[in-house]
Amino acid sequence: MGCIENLKYEIMLSKCTFKEAAEFIKKEVKEVHEVPPGYRLFDIFVIGPPPIFIGIDGDMLMFPYTKPCYGTFVLRVEAKEEAEKLRSKK
């Protein structure tokens, strides 16, 4: 299993609710994909109530990440291969 700490990420929103994270992503990014809970992103399972929204802006992904005891964050990561993988699932 992967580790989010191994990625070069930017925190776009911190300590928010999952609903706030979803609204933020839909507002900030034009290309948004819905994935089910448990979807593997960077070999990390994305968890939360469905649907989970992942935004794509060029080669950048914006997605919610929940860290136990710390809450939910919206992270932004450069990830060309993951963006292409999401686009191909449509």
PDB file of N, CA and C in Angstrom:
ATOM      1  N   MET A   1       0.839  -1.171   0.000  1.00  0.00           N
ATOM      2  CA  MET A   1       0.000   0.000   0.000  1.00  0.00           C
ATOM      3  C   MET A   1       0.885   1.235   0.000  1.00  0.00           C
ATOM      4  N   GLY A   2       0.456   2.251  -0.725  1.00  0.00           N
ATOM      5  CA  GLY A   2       1.198   3.500  -0.811  1.00  0.00           C
ATOM      6  C   GLY A   2       1.002   4.375   0.416  1.00  0.00           C
ATOM      7  N   CYS A   3       1.703   5.482   0.430  1.00  0.00           N
ATOM      8  CA  CYS A   3       1.608   6.423   1.534  1.00  0.00           C
ATOM      9  C   CYS A   3       1.488   7.836   0.966  1.00  0.00           C
ATOM     10  N   ILE A   4       0.523   8.567   1.416  1.00  0.00           N
ATOM     11  CA  ILE A   4       0.301   9.931   0.928  1.00  0.00           C
ATOM     12  C   ILE A   4       1.503  10.822   1.222  1.00  0.00           C
ATOM     13  N   GLU A   5       2.221  10.518   2.275  1.00  0.00           N
ATOM     14  CA  GLU A   5       3.386  11.328   2.644  1.00  0.00           C
ATOM     15  C   GLU A   5       4.523  11.222   1.628  1.00  0.00           C
ATOM     16  N   ASN A   6       4.482  10.209   0.764  1.00  0.00           N
ATOM     17  CA  ASN A   6       5.507  10.049  -0.263  1.00  0.00           C
ATOM     18  C   ASN A   6       5.249  10.925  -1.484  1.00  0.00           C
ATOM     19  N   LEU A   7       4.086  11.581  -1.535  1.00  0.00           N
ATOM     20  CA  LEU A   7       3.732  12.435  -2.667  1.00  0.00           C
ATOM     21  C   LEU A   7       4.075  13.885  -2.374  1.00  0.00           C
ATOM     22  N   LYS A   8       4.350  14.636  -3.420  1.00  0.00           N
ATOM     23  CA  LYS A   8       4.533  16.080  -3.284  1.00  0.00           C
ATOM     24  C   LYS A   8       3.158  16.706  -3.468  1.00  0.00           C
ATOM     25  N   TYR A   9       2.488  16.986  -2.362  1.00  0.00           N
ATOM     26  CA  TYR A   9       1.120  17.495  -2.432  1.00  0.00           C
ATOM     27  C   TYR A   9       1.037  18.909  -1.869  1.00  0.00           C
ATOM     28  N   GLU A  10      -0.044  19.573  -2.248  1.00  0.00           N
ATOM     29  CA  GLU A  10      -0.367  20.895  -1.719  1.00  0.00           C
ATOM     30  C   GLU A  10      -1.728  20.774  -1.042  1.00  0.00           C
ATOM     31  N   ILE A  11      -1.861  21.283   0.152  1.00  0.00           N
ATOM     32  CA  ILE A  11      -3.141  21.254   0.859  1.00  0.00           C
ATOM     33  C   ILE A  11      -3.954  22.462   0.409  1.00  0.00           C
ATOM     34  N   MET A  12      -5.098  22.180  -0.205  1.00  0.00           N
ATOM     35  CA  MET A  12      -5.968  23.238  -0.719  1.00  0.00           C
ATOM     36  C   MET A  12      -7.028  23.641   0.303  1.00  0.00           C
ATOM     37  N   LEU A  13      -7.444  22.696   1.134  1.00  0.00           N
ATOM     38  CA  LEU A  13      -8.462  22.931   2.159  1.00  0.00           C
ATOM     39  C   LEU A  13      -8.167  21.941   3.276  1.00  0.00           C
ATOM     40  N   SER A  14      -8.227  22.398   4.514  1.00  0.00           N
ATOM     41  CA  SER A  14      -7.888  21.487   5.608  1.00  0.00           C
ATOM     42  C   SER A  14      -8.976  21.429   6.661  1.00  0.00           C
ATOM     43  N   LYS A  15      -8.982  20.305   7.356  1.00  0.00           N
ATOM     44  CA  LYS A  15      -9.893  20.052   8.473  1.00  0.00           C
ATOM     45  C   LYS A  15     -11.327  20.448   8.134  1.00  0.00           C
ATOM     46  N   CYS A  16     -11.816  19.885   7.050  1.00  0.00           N
ATOM     47  CA  CYS A  16     -13.161  20.199   6.569  1.00  0.00           C
ATOM     48  C   CYS A  16     -14.029  18.948   6.643  1.00  0.00           C
ATOM     49  N   THR A  17     -15.303  19.121   6.395  1.00  0.00           N
ATOM     50  CA  THR A  17     -16.181  17.960   6.308  1.00  0.00           C
ATOM     51  C   THR A  17     -16.043  17.367   4.914  1.00  0.00           C
ATOM     52  N   PHE A  18     -16.515  16.149   4.758  1.00  0.00           N
ATOM     53  CA  PHE A  18     -16.436  15.526   3.450  1.00  0.00           C
ATOM     54  C   PHE A  18     -17.310  16.276   2.453  1.00  0.00           C
ATOM     55  N   LYS A  19     -18.432  16.783   2.908  1.00  0.00           N
ATOM     56  CA  LYS A  19     -19.326  17.560   2.046  1.00  0.00           C
ATOM     57  C   LYS A  19     -18.640  18.854   1.603  1.00  0.00           C
ATOM     58  N   GLU A  20     -17.955  19.526   2.504  1.00  0.00           N
ATOM     59  CA  GLU A  20     -17.225  20.745   2.142  1.00  0.00           C
ATOM     60  C   GLU A  20     -16.125  20.445   1.129  1.00  0.00           C
ATOM     61  N   ALA A  21     -15.456  19.313   1.293  1.00  0.00           N
ATOM     62  CA  ALA A  21     -14.404  18.919   0.354  1.00  0.00           C
ATOM     63  C   ALA A  21     -14.996  18.708  -1.042  1.00  0.00           C
ATOM     64  N   ALA A  22     -16.128  18.007  -1.119  1.00  0.00           N
ATOM     65  CA  ALA A  22     -16.774  17.748  -2.407  1.00  0.00           C
ATOM     66  C   ALA A  22     -17.203  19.055  -3.071  1.00  0.00           C
ATOM     67  N   GLU A  23     -17.799  19.955  -2.304  1.00  0.00           N
ATOM     68  CA  GLU A  23     -18.238  21.242  -2.855  1.00  0.00           C
ATOM     69  C   GLU A  23     -17.053  22.070  -3.337  1.00  0.00           C
ATOM     70  N   PHE A  24     -15.960  22.046  -2.591  1.00  0.00           N
ATOM     71  CA  PHE A  24     -14.759  22.785  -2.964  1.00  0.00           C
ATOM     72  C   PHE A  24     -14.203  22.271  -4.288  1.00  0.00           C
ATOM     73  N   ILE A  25     -14.086  20.960  -4.418  1.00  0.00           N
ATOM     74  CA  ILE A  25     -13.545  20.368  -5.645  1.00  0.00           C
ATOM     75  C   ILE A  25     -14.425  20.715  -6.837  1.00  0.00           C
ATOM     76  N   LYS A  26     -15.750  20.572  -6.688  1.00  0.00           N
ATOM     77  CA  LYS A  26     -16.662  20.874  -7.798  1.00  0.00           C
ATOM     78  C   LYS A  26     -16.617  22.346  -8.192  1.00  0.00           C
ATOM     79  N   LYS A  27     -16.338  23.223  -7.234  1.00  0.00           N
ATOM     80  CA  LYS A  27     -16.277  24.660  -7.518  1.00  0.00           C
ATOM     81  C   LYS A  27     -14.955  25.061  -8.168  1.00  0.00           C
ATOM     82  N   GLU A  28     -13.866  24.432  -7.759  1.00  0.00           N
ATOM     83  CA  GLU A  28     -12.528  24.846  -8.184  1.00  0.00           C
ATOM     84  C   GLU A  28     -12.049  24.218  -9.488  1.00  0.00           C
ATOM     85  N   VAL A  29     -12.589  23.067  -9.860  1.00  0.00           N
ATOM     86  CA  VAL A  29     -12.078  22.323 -11.006  1.00  0.00           C
ATOM     87  C   VAL A  29     -13.225  22.042 -11.987  1.00  0.00           C
ATOM     88  N   LYS A  30     -12.970  22.242 -13.273  1.00  0.00           N
ATOM     89  CA  LYS A  30     -14.011  22.023 -14.281  1.00  0.00           C
ATOM     90  C   LYS A  30     -14.232  20.545 -14.586  1.00  0.00           C
ATOM     91  N   GLU A  31     -13.165  19.757 -14.607  1.00  0.00           N
ATOM     92  CA  GLU A  31     -13.292  18.334 -14.932  1.00  0.00           C
ATOM     93  C   GLU A  31     -13.328  17.538 -13.636  1.00  0.00           C
ATOM     94  N   VAL A  32     -14.502  17.012 -13.317  1.00  0.00           N
ATOM     95  CA  VAL A  32     -14.694  16.282 -12.062  1.00  0.00           C
ATOM     96  C   VAL A  32     -15.186  14.873 -12.368  1.00  0.00           C
ATOM     97  N   HIS A  33     -14.588  13.905 -11.714  1.00  0.00           N
ATOM     98  CA  HIS A  33     -14.968  12.499 -11.879  1.00  0.00           C
ATOM     99  C   HIS A  33     -15.463  11.960 -10.546  1.00  0.00           C
ATOM    100  N   GLU A  34     -16.491  11.115 -10.604  1.00  0.00           N
ATOM    101  CA  GLU A  34     -17.011  10.449  -9.413  1.00  0.00           C
ATOM    102  C   GLU A  34     -16.405   9.054  -9.340  1.00  0.00           C
ATOM    103  N   VAL A  35     -15.949   8.689  -8.143  1.00  0.00           N
ATOM    104  CA  VAL A  35     -15.421   7.336  -7.926  1.00  0.00           C
ATOM    105  C   VAL A  35     -16.073   6.759  -6.673  1.00  0.00           C
ATOM    106  N   PRO A  36     -16.134   5.452  -6.587  1.00  0.00           N
ATOM    107  CA  PRO A  36     -16.718   4.836  -5.387  1.00  0.00           C
ATOM    108  C   PRO A  36     -15.720   4.823  -4.237  1.00  0.00           C
ATOM    109  N   PRO A  37     -16.209   4.727  -3.002  1.00  0.00           N
ATOM    110  CA  PRO A  37     -15.299   4.544  -1.867  1.00  0.00           C
ATOM    111  C   PRO A  37     -14.435   3.310  -2.096  1.00  0.00           C
ATOM    112  N   GLY A  38     -13.166   3.411  -1.735  1.00  0.00           N
ATOM    113  CA  GLY A  38     -12.248   2.309  -1.938  1.00  0.00           C
ATOM    114  C   GLY A  38     -11.488   2.399  -3.247  1.00  0.00           C
ATOM    115  N   TYR A  39     -11.789   3.427  -4.060  1.00  0.00           N
ATOM    116  CA  TYR A  39     -11.058   3.610  -5.324  1.00  0.00           C
ATOM    117  C   TYR A  39      -9.578   3.789  -5.014  1.00  0.00           C
ATOM    118  N   ARG A  40      -8.718   3.142  -5.809  1.00  0.00           N
ATOM    119  CA  ARG A  40      -7.264   3.226  -5.593  1.00  0.00           C
ATOM    120  C   ARG A  40      -6.684   4.375  -6.404  1.00  0.00           C
ATOM    121  N   LEU A  41      -6.055   5.277  -5.699  1.00  0.00           N
ATOM    122  CA  LEU A  41      -5.403   6.439  -6.289  1.00  0.00           C
ATOM    123  C   LEU A  41      -3.995   6.467  -5.715  1.00  0.00           C
ATOM    124  N   PHE A  42      -2.971   6.369  -6.551  1.00  0.00           N
ATOM    125  CA  PHE A  42      -1.572   6.290  -6.088  1.00  0.00           C
ATOM    126  C   PHE A  42      -1.363   5.085  -5.179  1.00  0.00           C
ATOM    127  N   ASP A  43      -2.104   4.023  -5.415  1.00  0.00           N
ATOM    128  CA  ASP A  43      -2.039   2.824  -4.583  1.00  0.00           C
ATOM    129  C   ASP A  43      -2.500   3.102  -3.148  1.00  0.00           C
ATOM    130  N   ILE A  44      -3.343   4.113  -3.011  1.00  0.00           N
ATOM    131  CA  ILE A  44      -3.940   4.489  -1.726  1.00  0.00           C
ATOM    132  C   ILE A  44      -5.453   4.387  -1.898  1.00  0.00           C
ATOM    133  N   PHE A  45      -6.141   3.818  -0.945  1.00  0.00           N
ATOM    134  CA  PHE A  45      -7.587   3.724  -1.018  1.00  0.00           C
ATOM    135  C   PHE A  45      -8.216   5.041  -0.564  1.00  0.00           C
ATOM    136  N   VAL A  46      -9.057   5.619  -1.434  1.00  0.00           N
ATOM    137  CA  VAL A  46      -9.772   6.845  -1.090  1.00  0.00           C
ATOM    138  C   VAL A  46     -11.054   6.422  -0.374  1.00  0.00           C
ATOM    139  N   ILE A  47     -11.265   6.977   0.817  1.00  0.00           N
ATOM    140  CA  ILE A  47     -12.436   6.588   1.602  1.00  0.00           C
ATOM    141  C   ILE A  47     -13.346   7.787   1.822  1.00  0.00           C
ATOM    142  N   GLY A  48     -14.592   7.494   2.131  1.00  0.00           N
ATOM    143  CA  GLY A  48     -15.563   8.533   2.438  1.00  0.00           C
ATOM    144  C   GLY A  48     -16.926   8.134   1.919  1.00  0.00           C
ATOM    145  N   PRO A  49     -17.938   8.949   2.237  1.00  0.00           N
ATOM    146  CA  PRO A  49     -19.285   8.655   1.760  1.00  0.00           C
ATOM    147  C   PRO A  49     -19.387   8.910   0.254  1.00  0.00           C
ATOM    148  N   PRO A  50     -20.100   8.042  -0.454  1.00  0.00           N
ATOM    149  CA  PRO A  50     -20.219   8.220  -1.898  1.00  0.00           C
ATOM    150  C   PRO A  50     -21.166   9.376  -2.254  1.00  0.00           C
ATOM    151  N   PRO A  51     -20.994   9.976  -3.409  1.00  0.00           N
ATOM    152  CA  PRO A  51     -19.887   9.750  -4.335  1.00  0.00           C
ATOM    153  C   PRO A  51     -18.658  10.550  -3.898  1.00  0.00           C
ATOM    154  N   ILE A  52     -17.486  10.068  -4.270  1.00  0.00           N
ATOM    155  CA  ILE A  52     -16.238  10.781  -3.997  1.00  0.00           C
ATOM    156  C   ILE A  52     -15.837  11.486  -5.292  1.00  0.00           C
ATOM    157  N   PHE A  53     -15.546  12.772  -5.190  1.00  0.00           N
ATOM    158  CA  PHE A  53     -15.206  13.556  -6.363  1.00  0.00           C
ATOM    159  C   PHE A  53     -13.700  13.772  -6.446  1.00  0.00           C
ATOM    160  N   ILE A  54     -13.160  13.532  -7.646  1.00  0.00           N
ATOM    161  CA  ILE A  54     -11.758  13.807  -7.933  1.00  0.00           C
ATOM    162  C   ILE A  54     -11.729  14.773  -9.105  1.00  0.00           C
ATOM    163  N   GLY A  55     -11.071  15.907  -8.919  1.00  0.00           N
ATOM    164  CA  GLY A  55     -10.987  16.906  -9.966  1.00  0.00           C
ATOM    165  C   GLY A  55      -9.683  16.793 -10.728  1.00  0.00           C
ATOM    166  N   ILE A  56      -9.753  17.074 -12.037  1.00  0.00           N
ATOM    167  CA  ILE A  56      -8.559  17.062 -12.879  1.00  0.00           C
ATOM    168  C   ILE A  56      -8.426  18.427 -13.540  1.00  0.00           C
ATOM    169  N   ASP A  57      -7.239  19.006 -13.416  1.00  0.00           N
ATOM    170  CA  ASP A  57      -6.921  20.276 -14.071  1.00  0.00           C
ATOM    171  C   ASP A  57      -5.565  20.090 -14.752  1.00  0.00           C
ATOM    172  N   GLY A  58      -5.586  19.780 -16.053  1.00  0.00           N
ATOM    173  CA  GLY A  58      -4.348  19.449 -16.757  1.00  0.00           C
ATOM    174  C   GLY A  58      -3.805  18.135 -16.226  1.00  0.00           C
ATOM    175  N   ASP A  59      -2.605  18.181 -15.660  1.00  0.00           N
ATOM    176  CA  ASP A  59      -1.992  16.988 -15.066  1.00  0.00           C
ATOM    177  C   ASP A  59      -2.129  16.985 -13.538  1.00  0.00           C
ATOM    178  N   MET A  60      -2.898  17.908 -12.996  1.00  0.00           N
ATOM    179  CA  MET A  60      -3.065  18.016 -11.548  1.00  0.00           C
ATOM    180  C   MET A  60      -4.369  17.353 -11.113  1.00  0.00           C
ATOM    181  N   LEU A  61      -4.303  16.621 -10.023  1.00  0.00           N
ATOM    182  CA  LEU A  61      -5.496  16.019  -9.421  1.00  0.00           C
ATOM    183  C   LEU A  61      -5.807  16.735  -8.123  1.00  0.00           C
ATOM    184  N   MET A  62      -7.086  16.904  -7.845  1.00  0.00           N
ATOM    185  CA  MET A  62      -7.538  17.450  -6.575  1.00  0.00           C
ATOM    186  C   MET A  62      -8.523  16.431  -6.006  1.00  0.00           C
ATOM    187  N   PHE A  63      -8.263  15.975  -4.777  1.00  0.00           N
ATOM    188  CA  PHE A  63      -9.078  14.914  -4.218  1.00  0.00           C
ATOM    189  C   PHE A  63      -9.129  15.033  -2.693  1.00  0.00           C
ATOM    190  N   PRO A  64     -10.191  14.457  -2.087  1.00  0.00           N
ATOM    191  CA  PRO A  64     -10.281  14.461  -0.624  1.00  0.00           C
ATOM    192  C   PRO A  64      -9.435  13.338  -0.037  1.00  0.00           C
ATOM    193  N   TYR A  65      -8.839  13.625   1.080  1.00  0.00           N
ATOM    194  CA  TYR A  65      -8.063  12.607   1.787  1.00  0.00           C
ATOM    195  C   TYR A  65      -8.388  12.727   3.272  1.00  0.00           C
ATOM    196  N   THR A  66      -8.844  11.647   3.857  1.00  0.00           N
ATOM    197  CA  THR A  66      -9.194  11.644   5.271  1.00  0.00           C
ATOM    198  C   THR A  66      -8.095  10.951   6.054  1.00  0.00           C
ATOM    199  N   LYS A  67      -7.567  11.672   7.027  1.00  0.00           N
ATOM    200  CA  LYS A  67      -6.509  11.137   7.886  1.00  0.00           C
ATOM    201  C   LYS A  67      -7.128  10.962   9.280  1.00  0.00           C
ATOM    202  N   PRO A  68      -7.175   9.727   9.765  1.00  0.00           N
ATOM    203  CA  PRO A  68      -7.783   9.502  11.080  1.00  0.00           C
ATOM    204  C   PRO A  68      -7.213  10.448  12.141  1.00  0.00           C
ATOM    205  N   CYS A  69      -8.070  10.959  12.965  1.00  0.00           N
ATOM    206  CA  CYS A  69      -7.756  11.883  14.061  1.00  0.00           C
ATOM    207  C   CYS A  69      -7.448  13.311  13.583  1.00  0.00           C
ATOM    208  N   TYR A  70      -7.331  13.521  12.280  1.00  0.00           N
ATOM    209  CA  TYR A  70      -7.026  14.864  11.767  1.00  0.00           C
ATOM    210  C   TYR A  70      -8.126  15.418  10.874  1.00  0.00           C
ATOM    211  N   GLY A  71      -8.979  14.559  10.354  1.00  0.00           N
ATOM    212  CA  GLY A  71     -10.084  15.011   9.518  1.00  0.00           C
ATOM    213  C   GLY A  71      -9.795  14.882   8.032  1.00  0.00           C
ATOM    214  N   THR A  72     -10.621  15.581   7.258  1.00  0.00           N
ATOM    215  CA  THR A  72     -10.542  15.511   5.803  1.00  0.00           C
ATOM    216  C   THR A  72      -9.829  16.735   5.258  1.00  0.00           C
ATOM    217  N   PHE A  73      -9.005  16.498   4.248  1.00  0.00           N
ATOM    218  CA  PHE A  73      -8.251  17.542   3.565  1.00  0.00           C
ATOM    219  C   PHE A  73      -8.520  17.415   2.072  1.00  0.00           C
ATOM    220  N   VAL A  74      -8.384  18.509   1.342  1.00  0.00           N
ATOM    221  CA  VAL A  74      -8.385  18.449  -0.116  1.00  0.00           C
ATOM    222  C   VAL A  74      -6.940  18.654  -0.538  1.00  0.00           C
ATOM    223  N   LEU A  75      -6.401  17.654  -1.239  1.00  0.00           N
ATOM    224  CA  LEU A  75      -5.013  17.695  -1.675  1.00  0.00           C
ATOM    225  C   LEU A  75      -4.945  17.917  -3.177  1.00  0.00           C
ATOM    226  N   ARG A  76      -3.872  18.551  -3.607  1.00  0.00           N
ATOM    227  CA  ARG A  76      -3.602  18.775  -5.028  1.00  0.00           C
ATOM    228  C   ARG A  76      -2.229  18.183  -5.325  1.00  0.00           C
ATOM    229  N   VAL A  77      -2.185  17.309  -6.348  1.00  0.00           N
ATOM    230  CA  VAL A  77      -0.966  16.569  -6.670  1.00  0.00           C
ATOM    231  C   VAL A  77      -0.815  16.507  -8.190  1.00  0.00           C
ATOM    232  N   GLU A  78       0.415  16.662  -8.664  1.00  0.00           N
ATOM    233  CA  GLU A  78       0.661  16.440 -10.093  1.00  0.00           C
ATOM    234  C   GLU A  78       0.675  14.943 -10.331  1.00  0.00           C
ATOM    235  N   ALA A  79      -0.158  14.488 -11.279  1.00  0.00           N
ATOM    236  CA  ALA A  79      -0.300  13.045 -11.477  1.00  0.00           C
ATOM    237  C   ALA A  79      -0.853  12.742 -12.860  1.00  0.00           C
ATOM    238  N   LYS A  80      -0.022  12.889 -13.870  1.00  0.00           N
ATOM    239  CA  LYS A  80      -0.454  12.681 -15.252  1.00  0.00           C
ATOM    240  C   LYS A  80      -1.025  11.284 -15.470  1.00  0.00           C
ATOM    241  N   GLU A  81      -0.334  10.242 -14.986  1.00  0.00           N
ATOM    242  CA  GLU A  81      -0.792   8.867 -15.207  1.00  0.00           C
ATOM    243  C   GLU A  81      -2.131   8.594 -14.525  1.00  0.00           C
ATOM    244  N   GLU A  82      -2.303   9.095 -13.310  1.00  0.00           N
ATOM    245  CA  GLU A  82      -3.572   8.890 -12.596  1.00  0.00           C
ATOM    246  C   GLU A  82      -4.709   9.648 -13.289  1.00  0.00           C
ATOM    247  N   ALA A  83      -4.410  10.841 -13.815  1.00  0.00           N
ATOM    248  CA  ALA A  83      -5.425  11.621 -14.541  1.00  0.00           C
ATOM    249  C   ALA A  83      -5.861  10.864 -15.792  1.00  0.00           C
ATOM    250  N   GLU A  84      -4.909  10.315 -16.523  1.00  0.00           N
ATOM    251  CA  GLU A  84      -5.239   9.548 -17.728  1.00  0.00           C
ATOM    252  C   GLU A  84      -6.050   8.305 -17.378  1.00  0.00           C
ATOM    253  N   LYS A  85      -5.720   7.673 -16.267  1.00  0.00           N
ATOM    254  CA  LYS A  85      -6.454   6.473 -15.823  1.00  0.00           C
ATOM    255  C   LYS A  85      -7.913   6.831 -15.523  1.00  0.00           C
ATOM    256  N   LEU A  86      -8.121   7.940 -14.841  1.00  0.00           N
ATOM    257  CA  LEU A  86      -9.488   8.371 -14.536  1.00  0.00           C
ATOM    258  C   LEU A  86     -10.259   8.709 -15.811  1.00  0.00           C
ATOM    259  N   ARG A  87      -9.600   9.426 -16.714  1.00  0.00           N
ATOM    260  CA  ARG A  87     -10.262   9.805 -17.970  1.00  0.00           C
ATOM    261  C   ARG A  87     -10.638   8.587 -18.794  1.00  0.00           C
ATOM    262  N   SER A  88      -9.836   7.566 -18.773  1.00  0.00           N
ATOM    263  CA  SER A  88     -10.100   6.363 -19.575  1.00  0.00           C
ATOM    264  C   SER A  88     -11.273   5.548 -19.026  1.00  0.00           C
ATOM    265  N   LYS A  89     -11.645   5.750 -17.796  1.00  0.00           N
ATOM    266  CA  LYS A  89     -12.746   4.999 -17.174  1.00  0.00           C
ATOM    267  C   LYS A  89     -14.108   5.561 -17.554  1.00  0.00           C
ATOM    268  N   LYS A  90     -14.143   6.735 -18.167  1.00  0.00           N
ATOM    269  CA  LYS A  90     -15.433   7.332 -18.546  1.00  0.00           C
ATOM    270  C   LYS A  90     -16.073   6.590 -19.672  1.00  0.00           C
TER     271      LYS A  90
END
